[in-house]
Amino acid sequence: MWSKFKRTPVQTVMGHRLPEPRLTWQAGMWLVVCLGLPLLLLGTLIDLAIQLTTGICTGLWCFF
């Protein structure tokens, strides 16, 4: 089970060491766009539905 988490040996191509994979800024931005924005939109729609049905504002915009 833990064999998946072992580090792979350093790979070389013609004597040059390849850099290890890493999280880039572009990948982080796509993570925010693909996960963060839909969750924010869903939360906003739930807050709006609660406000329309009960008349009580539960959203962040209530503080402004």
PDB file of N, CA and C in Angstrom:
ATOM      1  N   MET A   1       0.813  -1.187   0.000  1.00  0.00           N
ATOM      2  CA  MET A   1       0.000   0.000   0.000  1.00  0.00           C
ATOM      3  C   MET A   1       0.862   1.260   0.000  1.00  0.00           C
ATOM      4  N   TRP A   2       1.912   1.303   0.817  1.00  0.00           N
ATOM      5  CA  TRP A   2       2.752   2.486   0.903  1.00  0.00           C
ATOM      6  C   TRP A   2       3.743   2.591  -0.242  1.00  0.00           C
ATOM      7  N   SER A   3       3.782   1.586  -1.093  1.00  0.00           N
ATOM      8  CA  SER A   3       4.740   1.630  -2.202  1.00  0.00           C
ATOM      9  C   SER A   3       4.407   2.736  -3.195  1.00  0.00           C
ATOM     10  N   LYS A   4       3.163   3.201  -3.224  1.00  0.00           N
ATOM     11  CA  LYS A   4       2.779   4.278  -4.125  1.00  0.00           C
ATOM     12  C   LYS A   4       3.430   5.598  -3.736  1.00  0.00           C
ATOM     13  N   PHE A   5       3.755   5.753  -2.451  1.00  0.00           N
ATOM     14  CA  PHE A   5       4.251   7.023  -1.963  1.00  0.00           C
ATOM     15  C   PHE A   5       5.772   7.115  -1.929  1.00  0.00           C
ATOM     16  N   LYS A   6       6.444   6.096  -2.413  1.00  0.00           N
ATOM     17  CA  LYS A   6       7.905   6.141  -2.452  1.00  0.00           C
ATOM     18  C   LYS A   6       8.361   7.122  -3.524  1.00  0.00           C
ATOM     19  N   ARG A   7       9.461   7.768  -3.263  1.00  0.00           N
ATOM     20  CA  ARG A   7      10.019   8.669  -4.269  1.00  0.00           C
ATOM     21  C   ARG A   7      10.638   7.853  -5.388  1.00  0.00           C
ATOM     22  N   THR A   8      10.475   8.315  -6.576  1.00  0.00           N
ATOM     23  CA  THR A   8      11.077   7.631  -7.716  1.00  0.00           C
ATOM     24  C   THR A   8      12.545   8.014  -7.792  1.00  0.00           C
ATOM     25  N   PRO A   9      13.357   7.133  -8.308  1.00  0.00           N
ATOM     26  CA  PRO A   9      14.778   7.490  -8.443  1.00  0.00           C
ATOM     27  C   PRO A   9      14.954   8.640  -9.434  1.00  0.00           C
ATOM     28  N   VAL A  10      16.041   9.352  -9.290  1.00  0.00           N
ATOM     29  CA  VAL A  10      16.328  10.486 -10.162  1.00  0.00           C
ATOM     30  C   VAL A  10      16.472   9.981 -11.597  1.00  0.00           C
ATOM     31  N   GLN A  11      15.744  10.621 -12.494  1.00  0.00           N
ATOM     32  CA  GLN A  11      15.809  10.231 -13.903  1.00  0.00           C
ATOM     33  C   GLN A  11      16.829  11.107 -14.619  1.00  0.00           C
ATOM     34  N   THR A  12      17.577  10.486 -15.482  1.00  0.00           N
ATOM     35  CA  THR A  12      18.554  11.230 -16.272  1.00  0.00           C
ATOM     36  C   THR A  12      18.342  10.919 -17.751  1.00  0.00           C
ATOM     37  N   VAL A  13      18.650  11.909 -18.568  1.00  0.00           N
ATOM     38  CA  VAL A  13      18.608  11.757 -20.020  1.00  0.00           C
ATOM     39  C   VAL A  13      19.944  12.253 -20.547  1.00  0.00           C
ATOM     40  N   MET A  14      20.685  11.350 -21.116  1.00  0.00           N
ATOM     41  CA  MET A  14      21.995  11.654 -21.677  1.00  0.00           C
ATOM     42  C   MET A  14      22.872  12.378 -20.647  1.00  0.00           C
ATOM     43  N   GLY A  15      22.809  11.939 -19.402  1.00  0.00           N
ATOM     44  CA  GLY A  15      23.644  12.489 -18.356  1.00  0.00           C
ATOM     45  C   GLY A  15      23.080  13.705 -17.654  1.00  0.00           C
ATOM     46  N   HIS A  16      21.957  14.255 -18.159  1.00  0.00           N
ATOM     47  CA  HIS A  16      21.355  15.432 -17.532  1.00  0.00           C
ATOM     48  C   HIS A  16      20.223  14.983 -16.611  1.00  0.00           C
ATOM     49  N   ARG A  17      20.217  15.544 -15.417  1.00  0.00           N
ATOM     50  CA  ARG A  17      19.185  15.201 -14.437  1.00  0.00           C
ATOM     51  C   ARG A  17      17.896  15.946 -14.761  1.00  0.00           C
ATOM     52  N   LEU A  18      16.773  15.218 -14.810  1.00  0.00           N
ATOM     53  CA  LEU A  18      15.475  15.838 -15.076  1.00  0.00           C
ATOM     54  C   LEU A  18      14.911  16.419 -13.780  1.00  0.00           C
ATOM     55  N   PRO A  19      14.310  17.599 -13.854  1.00  0.00           N
ATOM     56  CA  PRO A  19      13.706  18.163 -12.639  1.00  0.00           C
ATOM     57  C   PRO A  19      12.477  17.352 -12.227  1.00  0.00           C
ATOM     58  N   GLU A  20      12.221  17.325 -10.914  1.00  0.00           N
ATOM     59  CA  GLU A  20      11.072  16.588 -10.408  1.00  0.00           C
ATOM     60  C   GLU A  20       9.790  17.364 -10.707  1.00  0.00           C
ATOM     61  N   PRO A  21       8.677  16.663 -10.895  1.00  0.00           N
ATOM     62  CA  PRO A  21       7.410  17.360 -11.113  1.00  0.00           C
ATOM     63  C   PRO A  21       7.034  18.196  -9.894  1.00  0.00           C
ATOM     64  N   ARG A  22       6.443  19.343 -10.127  1.00  0.00           N
ATOM     65  CA  ARG A  22       6.056  20.217  -9.029  1.00  0.00           C
ATOM     66  C   ARG A  22       4.796  20.984  -9.412  1.00  0.00           C
ATOM     67  N   LEU A  23       4.127  21.511  -8.406  1.00  0.00           N
ATOM     68  CA  LEU A  23       2.938  22.305  -8.633  1.00  0.00           C
ATOM     69  C   LEU A  23       3.349  23.688  -9.106  1.00  0.00           C
ATOM     70  N   THR A  24       2.803  24.145 -10.214  1.00  0.00           N
ATOM     71  CA  THR A  24       3.147  25.455 -10.760  1.00  0.00           C
ATOM     72  C   THR A  24       2.041  26.449 -10.428  1.00  0.00           C
ATOM     73  N   TRP A  25       2.302  27.723 -10.662  1.00  0.00           N
ATOM     74  CA  TRP A  25       1.293  28.749 -10.440  1.00  0.00           C
ATOM     75  C   TRP A  25       0.099  28.535 -11.355  1.00  0.00           C
ATOM     76  N   GLN A  26       0.357  28.108 -12.581  1.00  0.00           N
ATOM     77  CA  GLN A  26      -0.737  27.891 -13.526  1.00  0.00           C
ATOM     78  C   GLN A  26      -1.635  26.753 -13.042  1.00  0.00           C
ATOM     79  N   ALA A  27      -1.050  25.701 -12.516  1.00  0.00           N
ATOM     80  CA  ALA A  27      -1.849  24.599 -11.983  1.00  0.00           C
ATOM     81  C   ALA A  27      -2.648  25.065 -10.775  1.00  0.00           C
ATOM     82  N   GLY A  28      -2.057  25.899  -9.946  1.00  0.00           N
ATOM     83  CA  GLY A  28      -2.771  26.439  -8.795  1.00  0.00           C
ATOM     84  C   GLY A  28      -3.949  27.307  -9.206  1.00  0.00           C
ATOM     85  N   MET A  29      -3.757  28.100 -10.238  1.00  0.00           N
ATOM     86  CA  MET A  29      -4.854  28.941 -10.727  1.00  0.00           C
ATOM     87  C   MET A  29      -5.985  28.091 -11.309  1.00  0.00           C
ATOM     88  N   TRP A  30      -5.645  27.053 -12.049  1.00  0.00           N
ATOM     89  CA  TRP A  30      -6.685  26.175 -12.591  1.00  0.00           C
ATOM     90  C   TRP A  30      -7.427  25.460 -11.467  1.00  0.00           C
ATOM     91  N   LEU A  31      -6.720  25.122 -10.398  1.00  0.00           N
ATOM     92  CA  LEU A  31      -7.356  24.506  -9.242  1.00  0.00           C
ATOM     93  C   LEU A  31      -8.372  25.463  -8.624  1.00  0.00           C
ATOM     94  N   VAL A  32      -8.001  26.733  -8.508  1.00  0.00           N
ATOM     95  CA  VAL A  32      -8.920  27.732  -7.971  1.00  0.00           C
ATOM     96  C   VAL A  32     -10.122  27.908  -8.901  1.00  0.00           C
ATOM     97  N   VAL A  33      -9.877  27.976 -10.196  1.00  0.00           N
ATOM     98  CA  VAL A  33     -10.959  28.197 -11.152  1.00  0.00           C
ATOM     99  C   VAL A  33     -11.905  26.997 -11.209  1.00  0.00           C
ATOM    100  N   CYS A  34     -11.358  25.808 -11.237  1.00  0.00           N
ATOM    101  CA  CYS A  34     -12.185  24.613 -11.416  1.00  0.00           C
ATOM    102  C   CYS A  34     -12.837  24.128 -10.130  1.00  0.00           C
ATOM    103  N   LEU A  35     -12.255  24.427  -8.975  1.00  0.00           N
ATOM    104  CA  LEU A  35     -12.841  23.980  -7.711  1.00  0.00           C
ATOM    105  C   LEU A  35     -13.380  25.136  -6.875  1.00  0.00           C
ATOM    106  N   GLY A  36     -12.624  26.208  -6.780  1.00  0.00           N
ATOM    107  CA  GLY A  36     -13.005  27.314  -5.912  1.00  0.00           C
ATOM    108  C   GLY A  36     -14.209  28.100  -6.400  1.00  0.00           C
ATOM    109  N   LEU A  37     -14.228  28.463  -7.664  1.00  0.00           N
ATOM    110  CA  LEU A  37     -15.334  29.261  -8.174  1.00  0.00           C
ATOM    111  C   LEU A  37     -16.671  28.515  -8.161  1.00  0.00           C
ATOM    112  N   PRO A  38     -16.733  27.244  -8.564  1.00  0.00           N
ATOM    113  CA  PRO A  38     -18.020  26.548  -8.456  1.00  0.00           C
ATOM    114  C   PRO A  38     -18.519  26.422  -7.014  1.00  0.00           C
ATOM    115  N   LEU A  39     -17.608  26.202  -6.061  1.00  0.00           N
ATOM    116  CA  LEU A  39     -18.024  26.134  -4.663  1.00  0.00           C
ATOM    117  C   LEU A  39     -18.514  27.485  -4.164  1.00  0.00           C
ATOM    118  N   LEU A  40     -17.859  28.552  -4.576  1.00  0.00           N
ATOM    119  CA  LEU A  40     -18.294  29.892  -4.206  1.00  0.00           C
ATOM    120  C   LEU A  40     -19.663  30.190  -4.800  1.00  0.00           C
ATOM    121  N   LEU A  41     -19.880  29.821  -6.043  1.00  0.00           N
ATOM    122  CA  LEU A  41     -21.172  30.039  -6.694  1.00  0.00           C
ATOM    123  C   LEU A  41     -22.269  29.220  -6.021  1.00  0.00           C
ATOM    124  N   LEU A  42     -21.983  27.990  -5.677  1.00  0.00           N
ATOM    125  CA  LEU A  42     -22.962  27.142  -5.003  1.00  0.00           C
ATOM    126  C   LEU A  42     -23.331  27.718  -3.636  1.00  0.00           C
ATOM    127  N   GLY A  43     -22.349  28.162  -2.888  1.00  0.00           N
ATOM    128  CA  GLY A  43     -22.619  28.774  -1.593  1.00  0.00           C
ATOM    129  C   GLY A  43     -23.447  30.035  -1.722  1.00  0.00           C
ATOM    130  N   THR A  44     -23.160  30.843  -2.735  1.00  0.00           N
ATOM    131  CA  THR A  44     -23.923  32.063  -2.967  1.00  0.00           C
ATOM    132  C   THR A  44     -25.372  31.741  -3.308  1.00  0.00           C
ATOM    133  N   LEU A  45     -25.587  30.742  -4.143  1.00  0.00           N
ATOM    134  CA  LEU A  45     -26.954  30.364  -4.506  1.00  0.00           C
ATOM    135  C   LEU A  45     -27.719  29.815  -3.304  1.00  0.00           C
ATOM    136  N   ILE A  46     -27.059  29.066  -2.443  1.00  0.00           N
ATOM    137  CA  ILE A  46     -27.713  28.560  -1.229  1.00  0.00           C
ATOM    138  C   ILE A  46     -28.079  29.721  -0.301  1.00  0.00           C
ATOM    139  N   ASP A  47     -27.151  30.677  -0.131  1.00  0.00           N
ATOM    140  CA  ASP A  47     -27.446  31.853   0.695  1.00  0.00           C
ATOM    141  C   ASP A  47     -28.611  32.646   0.127  1.00  0.00           C
ATOM    142  N   LEU A  48     -28.658  32.798  -1.182  1.00  0.00           N
ATOM    143  CA  LEU A  48     -29.750  33.527  -1.828  1.00  0.00           C
ATOM    144  C   LEU A  48     -31.077  32.803  -1.636  1.00  0.00           C
ATOM    145  N   ALA A  49     -31.077  31.477  -1.759  1.00  0.00           N
ATOM    146  CA  ALA A  49     -32.304  30.710  -1.557  1.00  0.00           C
ATOM    147  C   ALA A  49     -32.801  30.828  -0.124  1.00  0.00           C
ATOM    148  N   ILE A  50     -31.895  30.814   0.849  1.00  0.00           N
ATOM    149  CA  ILE A  50     -32.292  30.980   2.250  1.00  0.00           C
ATOM    150  C   ILE A  50     -32.860  32.374   2.476  1.00  0.00           C
ATOM    151  N   GLN A  51     -32.243  33.367   1.876  1.00  0.00           N
ATOM    152  CA  GLN A  51     -32.721  34.737   2.055  1.00  0.00           C
ATOM    153  C   GLN A  51     -34.101  34.921   1.432  1.00  0.00           C
ATOM    154  N   LEU A  52     -34.331  34.337   0.267  1.00  0.00           N
ATOM    155  CA  LEU A  52     -35.625  34.490  -0.392  1.00  0.00           C
ATOM    156  C   LEU A  52     -36.734  33.731   0.330  1.00  0.00           C
ATOM    157  N   THR A  53     -36.425  32.596   0.931  1.00  0.00           N
ATOM    158  CA  THR A  53     -37.466  31.803   1.590  1.00  0.00           C
ATOM    159  C   THR A  53     -37.733  32.248   3.019  1.00  0.00           C
ATOM    160  N   THR A  54     -36.713  32.664   3.769  1.00  0.00           N
ATOM    161  CA  THR A  54     -36.911  33.008   5.179  1.00  0.00           C
ATOM    162  C   THR A  54     -36.869  34.504   5.436  1.00  0.00           C
ATOM    163  N   GLY A  55     -36.282  35.272   4.545  1.00  0.00           N
ATOM    164  CA  GLY A  55     -36.142  36.705   4.769  1.00  0.00           C
ATOM    165  C   GLY A  55     -34.946  37.057   5.629  1.00  0.00           C
ATOM    166  N   ILE A  56     -34.166  36.062   6.053  1.00  0.00           N
ATOM    167  CA  ILE A  56     -32.975  36.292   6.873  1.00  0.00           C
ATOM    168  C   ILE A  56     -31.744  36.205   5.975  1.00  0.00           C
ATOM    169  N   CYS A  57     -30.948  37.248   5.997  1.00  0.00           N
ATOM    170  CA  CYS A  57     -29.751  37.278   5.164  1.00  0.00           C
ATOM    171  C   CYS A  57     -28.620  36.526   5.865  1.00  0.00           C
ATOM    172  N   THR A  58     -28.087  35.506   5.215  1.00  0.00           N
ATOM    173  CA  THR A  58     -26.999  34.728   5.790  1.00  0.00           C
ATOM    174  C   THR A  58     -25.709  34.866   4.994  1.00  0.00           C
ATOM    175  N   GLY A  59     -25.735  35.631   3.936  1.00  0.00           N
ATOM    176  CA  GLY A  59     -24.577  35.738   3.061  1.00  0.00           C
ATOM    177  C   GLY A  59     -23.562  36.761   3.542  1.00  0.00           C
ATOM    178  N   LEU A  60     -22.403  36.742   2.954  1.00  0.00           N
ATOM    179  CA  LEU A  60     -21.327  37.664   3.291  1.00  0.00           C
ATOM    180  C   LEU A  60     -21.709  39.103   2.953  1.00  0.00           C
ATOM    181  N   TRP A  61     -22.534  39.301   1.942  1.00  0.00           N
ATOM    182  CA  TRP A  61     -22.902  40.632   1.515  1.00  0.00           C
ATOM    183  C   TRP A  61     -23.809  41.323   2.543  1.00  0.00           C
ATOM    184  N   CYS A  62     -24.302  40.608   3.547  1.00  0.00           N
ATOM    185  CA  CYS A  62     -25.141  41.213   4.590  1.00  0.00           C
ATOM    186  C   CYS A  62     -24.353  42.196   5.447  1.00  0.00           C
ATOM    187  N   PHE A  63     -23.055  42.052   5.488  1.00  0.00           N
ATOM    188  CA  PHE A  63     -22.225  42.910   6.317  1.00  0.00           C
ATOM    189  C   PHE A  63     -21.870  44.233   5.646  1.00  0.00           C
ATOM    190  N   PHE A  64     -22.245  44.426   4.408  1.00  0.00           N
ATOM    191  CA  PHE A  64     -21.883  45.640   3.674  1.00  0.00           C
ATOM    192  C   PHE A  64     -23.086  46.520   3.455  1.00  0.00           C
TER     193      PHE A  64
END
